[in-house]
C-alpha atoms as a PDB file:
ATOM      1  CA  MET A   1    -121.221 122.926-159.064  1.00  0.00           C
ATOM      2  CA  ARG A   2    -124.522 121.231-158.156  1.00  0.00           C
ATOM      3  CA  ASP A   3    -126.730 119.423-160.647  1.00  0.00           C
ATOM      4  CA  SER A   4    -129.575 121.912-159.979  1.00  0.00           C
ATOM      5  CA  ARG A   5    -127.449 124.585-161.593  1.00  0.00           C
ATOM      6  CA  LEU A   6    -126.834 122.577-164.782  1.00  0.00           C
ATOM      7  CA  ARG A   7    -129.370 122.429-167.578  1.00  0.00           C
ATOM      8  CA  ASN A   8    -128.464 120.615-170.799  1.00  0.00           C
ATOM      9  CA  GLY A   9    -124.828 120.750-169.743  1.00  0.00           C
ATOM     10  CA  ASN A  10    -124.820 124.570-169.360  1.00  0.00           C
ATOM     11  CA  PHE A  11    -124.588 126.683-166.220  1.00  0.00           C
ATOM     12  CA  GLU A  12    -127.812 128.484-165.352  1.00  0.00           C
ATOM     13  CA  PRO A  13    -127.319 131.596-163.172  1.00  0.00           C
ATOM     14  CA  SER A  14    -130.985 131.636-162.158  1.00  0.00           C
ATOM     15  CA  ALA A  15    -130.693 128.106-160.753  1.00  0.00           C
ATOM     16  CA  ALA A  16    -127.989 129.361-158.383  1.00  0.00           C
ATOM     17  CA  GLY A  17    -130.021 132.292-157.119  1.00  0.00           C
ATOM     18  CA  LEU A  18    -128.667 134.771-159.677  1.00  0.00           C
ATOM     19  CA  PRO A  19    -131.253 136.638-161.754  1.00  0.00           C
ATOM     20  CA  ASP A  20    -130.735 136.741-165.503  1.00  0.00           C
ATOM     21  CA  GLY A  21    -128.772 139.736-166.693  1.00  0.00           C
ATOM     22  CA  THR A  22    -126.856 140.206-163.447  1.00  0.00           C
ATOM     23  CA  THR A  23    -124.061 142.683-164.193  1.00  0.00           C
ATOM     24  CA  ASP A  24    -120.387 142.003-163.674  1.00  0.00           C
ATOM     25  CA  GLU A  25    -120.216 144.772-161.105  1.00  0.00           C
ATOM     26  CA  THR A  26    -122.921 143.112-158.996  1.00  0.00           C
ATOM     27  CA  LEU A  27    -121.241 139.722-159.210  1.00  0.00           C
ATOM     28  CA  ILE A  28    -117.851 141.165-158.277  1.00  0.00           C
ATOM     29  CA  GLU A  29    -119.396 142.997-155.331  1.00  0.00           C
ATOM     30  CA  ARG A  30    -120.929 139.741-154.096  1.00  0.00           C
ATOM     31  CA  VAL A  31    -117.612 137.902-154.419  1.00  0.00           C
ATOM     32  CA  GLN A  32    -115.716 140.553-152.505  1.00  0.00           C
ATOM     33  CA  SER A  33    -118.333 141.269-149.819  1.00  0.00           C
ATOM     34  CA  LEU A  34    -120.060 137.989-148.970  1.00  0.00           C
ATOM     35  CA  PRO A  35    -118.562 135.425-146.534  1.00  0.00           C
ATOM     36  CA  TYR A  36    -116.247 132.763-147.923  1.00  0.00           C
ATOM     37  CA  ALA A  37    -118.732 129.926-147.265  1.00  0.00           C
ATOM     38  CA  SER A  38    -121.679 131.762-148.861  1.00  0.00           C
ATOM     39  CA  HIS A  39    -123.463 129.895-151.658  1.00  0.00           C
ATOM     40  CA  GLN A  40    -124.286 133.186-153.373  1.00  0.00           C
ATOM     41  CA  ARG A  41    -120.592 134.094-153.368  1.00  0.00           C
ATOM     42  CA  ALA A  42    -119.711 130.735-154.939  1.00  0.00           C
ATOM     43  CA  ALA A  43    -122.441 131.152-157.544  1.00  0.00           C
ATOM     44  CA  ALA A  44    -121.188 134.650-158.432  1.00  0.00           C
ATOM     45  CA  TYR A  45    -117.657 133.271-158.736  1.00  0.00           C
ATOM     46  CA  GLU A  46    -118.778 130.508-161.105  1.00  0.00           C
ATOM     47  CA  GLU A  47    -120.778 132.896-163.263  1.00  0.00           C
ATOM     48  CA  LEU A  48    -117.803 135.279-163.620  1.00  0.00           C
ATOM     49  CA  VAL A  49    -115.508 132.378-164.469  1.00  0.00           C
ATOM     50  CA  ARG A  50    -117.988 131.234-167.118  1.00  0.00           C
ATOM     51  CA  ARG A  51    -118.186 134.738-168.611  1.00  0.00           C
ATOM     52  CA  TYR A  52    -114.406 135.260-168.706  1.00  0.00           C
ATOM     53  CA  ASP A  53    -113.373 131.712-169.522  1.00  0.00           C
ATOM     54  CA  PHE A  54    -112.145 132.955-172.920  1.00  0.00           C
ATOM     55  CA  VAL A  55    -109.414 135.006-171.193  1.00  0.00           C
ATOM     56  CA  VAL A  56    -107.925 131.842-169.688  1.00  0.00           C
ATOM     57  CA  LYS A  57    -108.140 129.978-172.997  1.00  0.00           C
ATOM     58  CA  ALA A  58    -106.438 132.835-174.857  1.00  0.00           C
ATOM     59  CA  CYS A  59    -103.562 132.961-172.379  1.00  0.00           C
ATOM     60  CA  VAL A  60    -103.129 129.175-172.315  1.00  0.00           C
ATOM     61  CA  ARG A  61    -103.120 128.996-176.128  1.00  0.00           C
ATOM     62  CA  ARG A  62     -99.706 130.674-176.095  1.00  0.00           C
ATOM     63  CA  TYR A  63     -98.238 127.620-174.356  1.00  0.00           C
ATOM     64  CA  ARG A  64     -99.892 124.969-176.507  1.00  0.00           C
ATOM     65  CA  ASP A  65     -96.489 123.664-177.700  1.00  0.00           C
ATOM     66  CA  SER A  66     -95.106 123.201-174.188  1.00  0.00           C
ATOM     67  CA  PRO A  67     -94.761 119.711-172.646  1.00  0.00           C
ATOM     68  CA  GLU A  68     -97.113 120.700-169.807  1.00  0.00           C
ATOM     69  CA  PRO A  69    -100.592 119.080-170.089  1.00  0.00           C
ATOM     70  CA  LEU A  70    -103.266 121.482-171.323  1.00  0.00           C
ATOM     71  CA  GLU A  71    -105.578 120.559-168.449  1.00  0.00           C
ATOM     72  CA  ASP A  72    -102.959 121.567-165.886  1.00  0.00           C
ATOM     73  CA  LEU A  73    -102.370 124.887-167.615  1.00  0.00           C
ATOM     74  CA  MET A  74    -106.097 125.582-167.675  1.00  0.00           C
ATOM     75  CA  GLN A  75    -106.289 124.975-163.932  1.00  0.00           C
ATOM     76  CA  VAL A  76    -103.388 127.364-163.362  1.00  0.00           C
ATOM     77  CA  GLY A  77    -105.090 129.940-165.578  1.00  0.00           C
ATOM     78  CA  TYR A  78    -108.315 129.638-163.615  1.00  0.00           C
ATOM     79  CA  VAL A  79    -106.400 130.303-160.413  1.00  0.00           C
ATOM     80  CA  GLY A  80    -105.152 133.545-161.972  1.00  0.00           C
ATOM     81  CA  LEU A  81    -108.680 134.458-163.041  1.00  0.00           C
ATOM     82  CA  LEU A  82    -110.038 133.849-159.528  1.00  0.00           C
ATOM     83  CA  LYS A  83    -107.324 136.073-158.073  1.00  0.00           C
ATOM     84  CA  ALA A  84    -108.189 138.771-160.598  1.00  0.00           C
ATOM     85  CA  ILE A  85    -111.873 138.622-159.659  1.00  0.00           C
ATOM     86  CA  SER A  86    -111.083 138.815-155.944  1.00  0.00           C
ATOM     87  CA  ASN A  87    -108.701 141.771-156.290  1.00  0.00           C
ATOM     88  CA  PHE A  88    -110.426 143.746-159.039  1.00  0.00           C
ATOM     89  CA  ASN A  89    -111.289 147.341-158.130  1.00  0.00           C
ATOM     90  CA  PRO A  90    -113.831 148.914-160.548  1.00  0.00           C
ATOM     91  CA  GLU A  91    -112.843 152.392-159.382  1.00  0.00           C
ATOM     92  CA  LEU A  92    -109.375 151.954-160.866  1.00  0.00           C
ATOM     93  CA  GLY A  93    -110.605 150.675-164.215  1.00  0.00           C
ATOM     94  CA  PRO A  94    -113.931 149.573-165.655  1.00  0.00           C
ATOM     95  CA  SER A  95    -112.646 146.564-167.629  1.00  0.00           C
ATOM     96  CA  LEU A  96    -112.209 143.234-165.852  1.00  0.00           C
ATOM     97  CA  ILE A  97    -110.748 141.796-169.053  1.00  0.00           C
ATOM     98  CA  ALA A  98    -107.855 144.279-169.050  1.00  0.00           C
ATOM     99  CA  TYR A  99    -107.133 143.443-165.431  1.00  0.00           C
ATOM    100  CA  ALA A 100    -107.618 139.660-165.679  1.00  0.00           C
ATOM    101  CA  GLN A 101    -105.401 139.080-168.721  1.00  0.00           C
ATOM    102  CA  PRO A 102    -102.062 140.008-167.074  1.00  0.00           C
ATOM    103  CA  CYS A 103    -103.137 138.214-163.879  1.00  0.00           C
ATOM    104  CA  VAL A 104    -103.779 134.953-165.745  1.00  0.00           C
ATOM    105  CA  SER A 105    -100.648 135.350-167.862  1.00  0.00           C
ATOM    106  CA  GLY A 106     -98.548 136.080-164.783  1.00  0.00           C
ATOM    107  CA  GLU A 107     -99.901 133.010-162.983  1.00  0.00           C
ATOM    108  CA  LEU A 108     -98.933 130.833-165.966  1.00  0.00           C
ATOM    109  CA  LYS A 109     -95.451 132.341-166.097  1.00  0.00           C
ATOM    110  CA  ARG A 110     -94.966 131.715-162.382  1.00  0.00           C
ATOM    111  CA  HIS A 111     -96.060 128.125-162.885  1.00  0.00           C
ATOM    112  CA  PHE A 112     -93.455 127.562-165.589  1.00  0.00           C
ATOM    113  CA  ARG A 113     -90.779 129.430-163.649  1.00  0.00           C
ATOM    114  CA  ASP A 114     -91.308 127.556-160.371  1.00  0.00           C
ATOM    115  CA  LYS A 115     -92.507 124.125-161.501  1.00  0.00           C
ATOM    116  CA  ARG A 116     -91.179 123.281-164.953  1.00  0.00           C
ATOM    117  CA  TRP A 117     -87.661 124.660-165.218  1.00  0.00           C
ATOM    118  CA  GLN A 118     -85.014 122.041-164.474  1.00  0.00           C
ATOM    119  CA  VAL A 119     -82.378 124.748-164.088  1.00  0.00           C
ATOM    120  CA  ARG A 120     -82.997 128.226-162.726  1.00  0.00           C
ATOM    121  CA  VAL A 121     -83.027 130.624-165.677  1.00  0.00           C
ATOM    122  CA  HIS A 122     -83.188 134.406-165.559  1.00  0.00           C
ATOM    123  CA  ARG A 123     -86.725 135.683-166.057  1.00  0.00           C
ATOM    124  CA  THR A 124     -85.710 137.784-169.071  1.00  0.00           C
ATOM    125  CA  SER A 125     -84.361 134.698-170.829  1.00  0.00           C
ATOM    126  CA  GLN A 126     -87.564 132.828-170.022  1.00  0.00           C
ATOM    127  CA  GLU A 127     -89.687 135.560-171.560  1.00  0.00           C
ATOM    128  CA  HIS A 128     -87.423 135.712-174.610  1.00  0.00           C
ATOM    129  CA  MET A 129     -87.742 131.952-175.019  1.00  0.00           C
ATOM    130  CA  LEU A 130     -91.534 132.136-175.027  1.00  0.00           C
ATOM    131  CA  ALA A 131     -91.471 135.028-177.507  1.00  0.00           C
ATOM    132  CA  VAL A 132     -89.066 133.181-179.815  1.00  0.00           C
ATOM    133  CA  ARG A 133     -91.214 130.048-179.675  1.00  0.00           C
ATOM    134  CA  GLU A 134     -94.307 131.997-180.718  1.00  0.00           C
ATOM    135  CA  VAL A 135     -92.510 133.945-183.460  1.00  0.00           C
ATOM    136  CA  ARG A 136     -90.878 130.777-184.838  1.00  0.00           C
ATOM    137  CA  THR A 137     -94.271 129.117-185.271  1.00  0.00           C
ATOM    138  CA  ALA A 138     -95.719 132.159-187.041  1.00  0.00           C
ATOM    139  CA  LEU A 139     -92.700 132.616-189.329  1.00  0.00           C
ATOM    140  CA  THR A 140     -92.604 128.926-190.240  1.00  0.00           C
ATOM    141  CA  GLN A 141     -96.209 129.118-191.437  1.00  0.00           C
ATOM    142  CA  GLU A 142     -95.580 132.379-193.281  1.00  0.00           C
ATOM    143  CA  LEU A 143     -92.322 131.379-194.987  1.00  0.00           C
ATOM    144  CA  GLY A 144     -93.077 127.694-195.489  1.00  0.00           C
ATOM    145  CA  ARG A 145     -89.724 126.797-193.946  1.00  0.00           C
ATOM    146  CA  LEU A 146     -87.822 127.170-190.713  1.00  0.00           C
ATOM    147  CA  PRO A 147     -86.642 130.778-190.314  1.00  0.00           C
ATOM    148  CA  GLY A 148     -82.958 131.617-190.007  1.00  0.00           C
ATOM    149  CA  ASP A 149     -81.414 133.008-186.867  1.00  0.00           C
ATOM    150  CA  GLN A 150     -81.321 136.588-188.139  1.00  0.00           C
ATOM    151  CA  GLU A 151     -84.913 136.401-189.392  1.00  0.00           C
ATOM    152  CA  LEU A 152     -86.028 134.995-186.062  1.00  0.00           C
ATOM    153  CA  ALA A 153     -84.138 137.606-184.073  1.00  0.00           C
ATOM    154  CA  ASP A 154     -85.516 140.483-186.170  1.00  0.00           C
ATOM    155  CA  ALA A 155     -89.099 139.247-185.882  1.00  0.00           C
ATOM    156  CA  ALA A 156     -88.800 138.816-182.094  1.00  0.00           C
ATOM    157  CA  GLY A 157     -87.024 142.163-181.650  1.00  0.00           C
ATOM    158  CA  LEU A 158     -83.940 140.511-180.144  1.00  0.00           C
ATOM    159  CA  SER A 159     -80.237 140.557-180.835  1.00  0.00           C
ATOM    160  CA  ILE A 160     -78.388 137.415-181.891  1.00  0.00           C
ATOM    161  CA  GLU A 161     -76.905 137.136-178.385  1.00  0.00           C
ATOM    162  CA  GLU A 162     -80.366 137.343-176.798  1.00  0.00           C
ATOM    163  CA  LEU A 163     -81.613 134.745-179.274  1.00  0.00           C
ATOM    164  CA  ARG A 164     -78.796 132.394-178.213  1.00  0.00           C
ATOM    165  CA  GLU A 165     -79.714 132.889-174.552  1.00  0.00           C
ATOM    166  CA  ALA A 166     -83.346 132.089-175.367  1.00  0.00           C
ATOM    167  CA  GLU A 167     -82.257 128.862-177.078  1.00  0.00           C
ATOM    168  CA  TYR A 168     -80.157 127.913-174.058  1.00  0.00           C
ATOM    169  CA  ALA A 169     -83.216 128.557-171.884  1.00  0.00           C
ATOM    170  CA  GLU A 170     -85.173 126.165-174.114  1.00  0.00           C
ATOM    171  CA  MET A 171     -82.525 123.511-173.406  1.00  0.00           C
ATOM    172  CA  ALA A 172     -82.938 124.068-169.668  1.00  0.00           C
ATOM    173  CA  PHE A 173     -86.704 123.650-170.083  1.00  0.00           C
ATOM    174  CA  HIS A 174     -86.325 120.222-171.729  1.00  0.00           C
ATOM    175  CA  PRO A 175     -83.933 117.995-169.725  1.00  0.00           C
ATOM    176  CA  TYR A 176     -81.948 115.248-171.444  1.00  0.00           C
ATOM    177  CA  TYR A 177     -81.649 111.964-169.571  1.00  0.00           C
ATOM    178  CA  LEU A 178     -78.144 110.532-169.250  1.00  0.00           C
ATOM    179  CA  ASP A 179     -79.319 107.008-170.043  1.00  0.00           C
ATOM    180  CA  ALA A 180     -81.186 108.087-173.186  1.00  0.00           C
ATOM    181  CA  PRO A 181     -79.729 106.529-176.390  1.00  0.00           C
ATOM    182  CA  VAL A 182     -78.375 108.909-178.992  1.00  0.00           C
ATOM    183  CA  SER A 183     -79.811 106.860-181.882  1.00  0.00           C
ATOM    184  CA  ALA A 184     -82.526 104.294-182.570  1.00  0.00           C
ATOM    185  CA  ASP A 185     -80.128 101.328-182.563  1.00  0.00           C
ATOM    186  CA  GLU A 186     -80.652  98.745-179.823  1.00  0.00           C
ATOM    187  CA  GLU A 187     -77.005  98.961-178.756  1.00  0.00           C
ATOM    188  CA  ALA A 188     -76.725 102.712-179.205  1.00  0.00           C
ATOM    189  CA  THR A 189     -74.441 104.747-177.006  1.00  0.00           C
ATOM    190  CA  THR A 190     -76.175 106.666-174.247  1.00  0.00           C
ATOM    191  CA  LEU A 191     -75.767 110.376-173.678  1.00  0.00           C
ATOM    192  CA  GLY A 192     -73.994 109.756-170.363  1.00  0.00           C
ATOM    193  CA  GLU A 193     -71.272 107.729-172.095  1.00  0.00           C
ATOM    194  CA  LEU A 194     -70.483 110.683-174.370  1.00  0.00           C
ATOM    195  CA  LEU A 195     -69.968 113.149-171.557  1.00  0.00           C
ATOM    196  CA  GLY A 196     -66.382 113.877-170.611  1.00  0.00           C
ATOM    197  CA  SER A 197     -64.830 113.175-167.247  1.00  0.00           C
ATOM    198  CA  ASP A 198     -63.964 115.776-164.637  1.00  0.00           C
ATOM    199  CA  ASP A 199     -61.473 118.330-165.862  1.00  0.00           C
ATOM    200  CA  PRO A 200     -58.257 118.000-163.822  1.00  0.00           C
ATOM    201  CA  GLY A 201     -57.618 121.676-164.468  1.00  0.00           C
ATOM    202  CA  ILE A 202     -60.474 122.540-162.100  1.00  0.00           C
ATOM    203  CA  GLU A 203     -58.617 121.172-159.088  1.00  0.00           C
ATOM    204  CA  LEU A 204     -55.450 122.898-160.275  1.00  0.00           C
ATOM    205  CA  ALA A 205     -57.319 126.190-160.549  1.00  0.00           C
ATOM    206  CA  VAL A 206     -58.622 125.830-156.996  1.00  0.00           C
ATOM    207  CA  ASP A 207     -55.133 125.088-155.684  1.00  0.00           C
ATOM    208  CA  SER A 208     -53.659 127.993-157.608  1.00  0.00           C
ATOM    209  CA  ASP A 209     -56.272 130.371-156.231  1.00  0.00           C
ATOM    210  CA  ALA A 210     -55.484 129.248-152.674  1.00  0.00           C
ATOM    211  CA  LEU A 211     -51.760 129.652-153.336  1.00  0.00           C
ATOM    212  CA  TRP A 212     -52.096 133.205-154.684  1.00  0.00           C
ATOM    213  CA  ALA A 213     -54.062 134.173-151.588  1.00  0.00           C
ATOM    214  CA  HIS A 214     -50.860 133.647-149.529  1.00  0.00           C
ATOM    215  CA  TRP A 215     -48.318 134.643-152.172  1.00  0.00           C
ATOM    216  CA  SER A 216     -48.059 138.236-150.977  1.00  0.00           C
ATOM    217  CA  THR A 217     -46.971 137.098-147.502  1.00  0.00           C
ATOM    218  CA  LEU A 218     -43.573 136.030-148.867  1.00  0.00           C
ATOM    219  CA  PRO A 219     -40.674 138.474-149.148  1.00  0.00           C
ATOM    220  CA  HIS A 220     -40.063 139.843-152.626  1.00  0.00           C
ATOM    221  CA  ARG A 221     -36.824 137.899-153.128  1.00  0.00           C
ATOM    222  CA  GLN A 222     -38.451 134.602-152.210  1.00  0.00           C
ATOM    223  CA  GLN A 223     -41.301 135.337-154.610  1.00  0.00           C
ATOM    224  CA  ARG A 224     -38.751 135.949-157.335  1.00  0.00           C
ATOM    225  CA  ILE A 225     -36.847 132.743-156.565  1.00  0.00           C
ATOM    226  CA  LEU A 226     -40.043 130.653-156.654  1.00  0.00           C
ATOM    227  CA  ALA A 227     -41.086 132.228-159.932  1.00  0.00           C
ATOM    228  CA  MET A 228     -37.714 131.541-161.538  1.00  0.00           C
ATOM    229  CA  ARG A 229     -37.658 127.976-160.220  1.00  0.00           C
ATOM    230  CA  PHE A 230     -41.207 126.801-161.030  1.00  0.00           C
ATOM    231  CA  TYR A 231     -42.304 129.157-163.819  1.00  0.00           C
ATOM    232  CA  GLY A 232     -38.955 129.851-165.434  1.00  0.00           C
ATOM    233  CA  ASN A 233     -37.806 126.249-164.941  1.00  0.00           C
ATOM    234  CA  MET A 234     -34.326 127.438-163.881  1.00  0.00           C
ATOM    235  CA  THR A 235     -31.957 125.336-161.825  1.00  0.00           C
ATOM    236  CA  GLN A 236     -30.776 126.431-158.395  1.00  0.00           C
ATOM    237  CA  ALA A 237     -27.323 127.129-159.827  1.00  0.00           C
ATOM    238  CA  GLU A 238     -28.783 129.370-162.538  1.00  0.00           C
ATOM    239  CA  ILE A 239     -30.890 131.222-159.960  1.00  0.00           C
ATOM    240  CA  GLY A 240     -27.819 131.705-157.762  1.00  0.00           C
ATOM    241  CA  ARG A 241     -25.824 133.168-160.631  1.00  0.00           C
ATOM    242  CA  ARG A 242     -28.721 135.453-161.568  1.00  0.00           C
ATOM    243  CA  LEU A 243     -29.081 136.789-158.012  1.00  0.00           C
ATOM    244  CA  GLY A 244     -25.379 136.680-157.085  1.00  0.00           C
ATOM    245  CA  ILE A 245     -25.800 134.177-154.232  1.00  0.00           C
ATOM    246  CA  SER A 246     -24.668 130.601-153.717  1.00  0.00           C
ATOM    247  CA  GLN A 247     -26.662 127.568-154.758  1.00  0.00           C
ATOM    248  CA  MET A 248     -26.840 126.482-151.101  1.00  0.00           C
ATOM    249  CA  HIS A 249     -28.436 129.812-150.180  1.00  0.00           C
ATOM    250  CA  VAL A 250     -30.962 129.402-152.991  1.00  0.00           C
ATOM    251  CA  SER A 251     -31.837 125.936-151.683  1.00  0.00           C
ATOM    252  CA  ARG A 252     -32.413 127.246-148.153  1.00  0.00           C
ATOM    253  CA  LEU A 253     -34.596 130.088-149.395  1.00  0.00           C
ATOM    254  CA  LEU A 254     -36.667 127.720-151.535  1.00  0.00           C
ATOM    255  CA  ASP A 255     -37.161 125.358-148.623  1.00  0.00           C
ATOM    256  CA  ALA A 256     -38.183 128.215-146.302  1.00  0.00           C
ATOM    257  CA  SER A 257     -40.619 129.628-148.876  1.00  0.00           C
ATOM    258  CA  LEU A 258     -42.298 126.296-149.570  1.00  0.00           C
ATOM    259  CA  THR A 259     -42.558 125.510-145.853  1.00  0.00           C
ATOM    260  CA  ARG A 260     -44.185 128.875-145.187  1.00  0.00           C
ATOM    261  CA  LEU A 261     -46.725 128.414-147.980  1.00  0.00           C
ATOM    262  CA  ARG A 262     -47.443 124.851-146.874  1.00  0.00           C
ATOM    263  CA  ASP A 263     -48.106 125.985-143.303  1.00  0.00           C
ATOM    264  CA  SER A 264     -50.367 128.800-144.515  1.00  0.00           C
ATOM    265  CA  LEU A 265     -52.428 126.481-146.713  1.00  0.00           C
ATOM    266  CA  SER A 266     -52.768 123.705-144.144  1.00  0.00           C
ATOM    267  CA  GLY A 267     -52.998 125.810-141.005  1.00  0.00           C
ATOM    268  CA  GLY A 268     -49.745 124.379-139.702  1.00  0.00           C
ATOM    269  CA  THR A 269     -51.004 120.765-139.811  1.00  0.00           C
ATOM    270  CA  ALA A 270     -48.931 119.601-142.770  1.00  0.00           C
ATOM    271  CA  PRO A 271     -46.156 117.123-141.861  1.00  0.00           C
ATOM    272  CA  ARG A 272     -42.656 118.495-141.892  1.00  0.00           C
ATOM    273  CA  ARG A 273     -40.366 117.604-144.737  1.00  0.00           C
ATOM    274  CA  LYS A 274     -37.565 115.275-143.867  1.00  0.00           C
ATOM    275  CA  PRO A 275     -34.193 116.883-144.528  1.00  0.00           C
ATOM    276  CA  ARG A 276     -32.324 115.236-147.342  1.00  0.00           C
ATOM    277  CA  GLY A 277     -29.123 113.523-146.347  1.00  0.00           C
ATOM    278  CA  ARG A 278     -26.021 115.408-147.366  1.00  0.00           C
ATOM    279  CA  ARG A 279     -23.337 113.534-149.210  1.00  0.00           C
ATOM    280  CA  ARG A 280     -20.039 113.878-147.404  1.00  0.00           C
ATOM    281  CA  ILE A 281     -17.197 114.846-149.664  1.00  0.00           C
ATOM    282  CA  GLY A 282     -13.806 113.711-148.483  1.00  0.00           C
ATOM    283  CA  ARG A 283     -11.341 110.845-148.401  1.00  0.00           C
ATOM    284  CA  THR A 284     -12.953 107.422-148.741  1.00  0.00           C
ATOM    285  CA  GLU A 285     -11.635 104.104-147.561  1.00  0.00           C
ATOM    286  CA  PRO A 286      -9.727 102.268-150.294  1.00  0.00           C
ATOM    287  CA  ALA A 287     -11.503  99.276-151.780  1.00  0.00           C
ATOM    288  CA  VAL A 288      -9.881  95.874-151.235  1.00  0.00           C
ATOM    289  CA  CYS A 289      -9.857  93.499-154.173  1.00  0.00           C
ATOM    290  CA  GLU A 290     -10.574  89.787-153.807  1.00  0.00           C
ATOM    291  CA  SER A 291      -6.945  89.050-154.617  1.00  0.00           C
ATOM    292  CA  GLY A 292      -5.907  91.014-151.585  1.00  0.00           C
ATOM    293  CA  GLY A 293      -4.690  94.038-153.553  1.00  0.00           C
ATOM    294  CA  VAL A 294      -5.829  97.548-153.022  1.00  0.00           C
ATOM    295  CA  GLY A 295      -8.101  98.940-155.751  1.00  0.00           C
END
């Protein structure tokens, strides 16, 4: 905006080549018809922004409690207002205000959704969070205290489950740093020190899922033997008696089943198990005592 268009700190349409009392329809027509580099187009834009500045302020006021700087939100709102002016069609509706308000509000919501969220949150939860934030402020002033969960949910038109999701969305909007102390003490424990380690059950769950993917490739009897051995904690002798086969046969079937699963999981690259040495049962050589006698 040039100095020639400013008088006493206020924008003067006549100084920019716009006669006093120029209608919105004329200004919009100039914006949408004149070339992009036209000074008259820029002047019409600035005059419309000045006239409908209150729409941006009203939409930004809803986010006054957010951590985003007010100046940044105003700039985002102005972008929405400029888009509304460029796309407004008077034939579809006579009111620029009615068209600009959702455009500005939508631009602000996109800004928060794309720039501020540390974790991607469903749009419905984002909208619920903003509604709950606004209702909480109003109820706190009305009641003189913080409202309860049921009061908050009823005022926002949400269920308790939706209220919980909105609160979780609020947590995703405000990140917590791992090195932040949990109290004001100089030697206070940090948040990162309170977090648990990796759950070993996660790796077990992954392995179990991979195992079940190949479980159906085993014959039914081998499936039953593995289940009795590792889930029923039965010995090979007990399994043999249950199935009416020898313990040696149970051992061979277990070994074949485990080898087949191992090959399926590793693609045949797993090293082969070394066979366990069998103890020979028979006559042993007599031991000779130091005295020369036979033990």
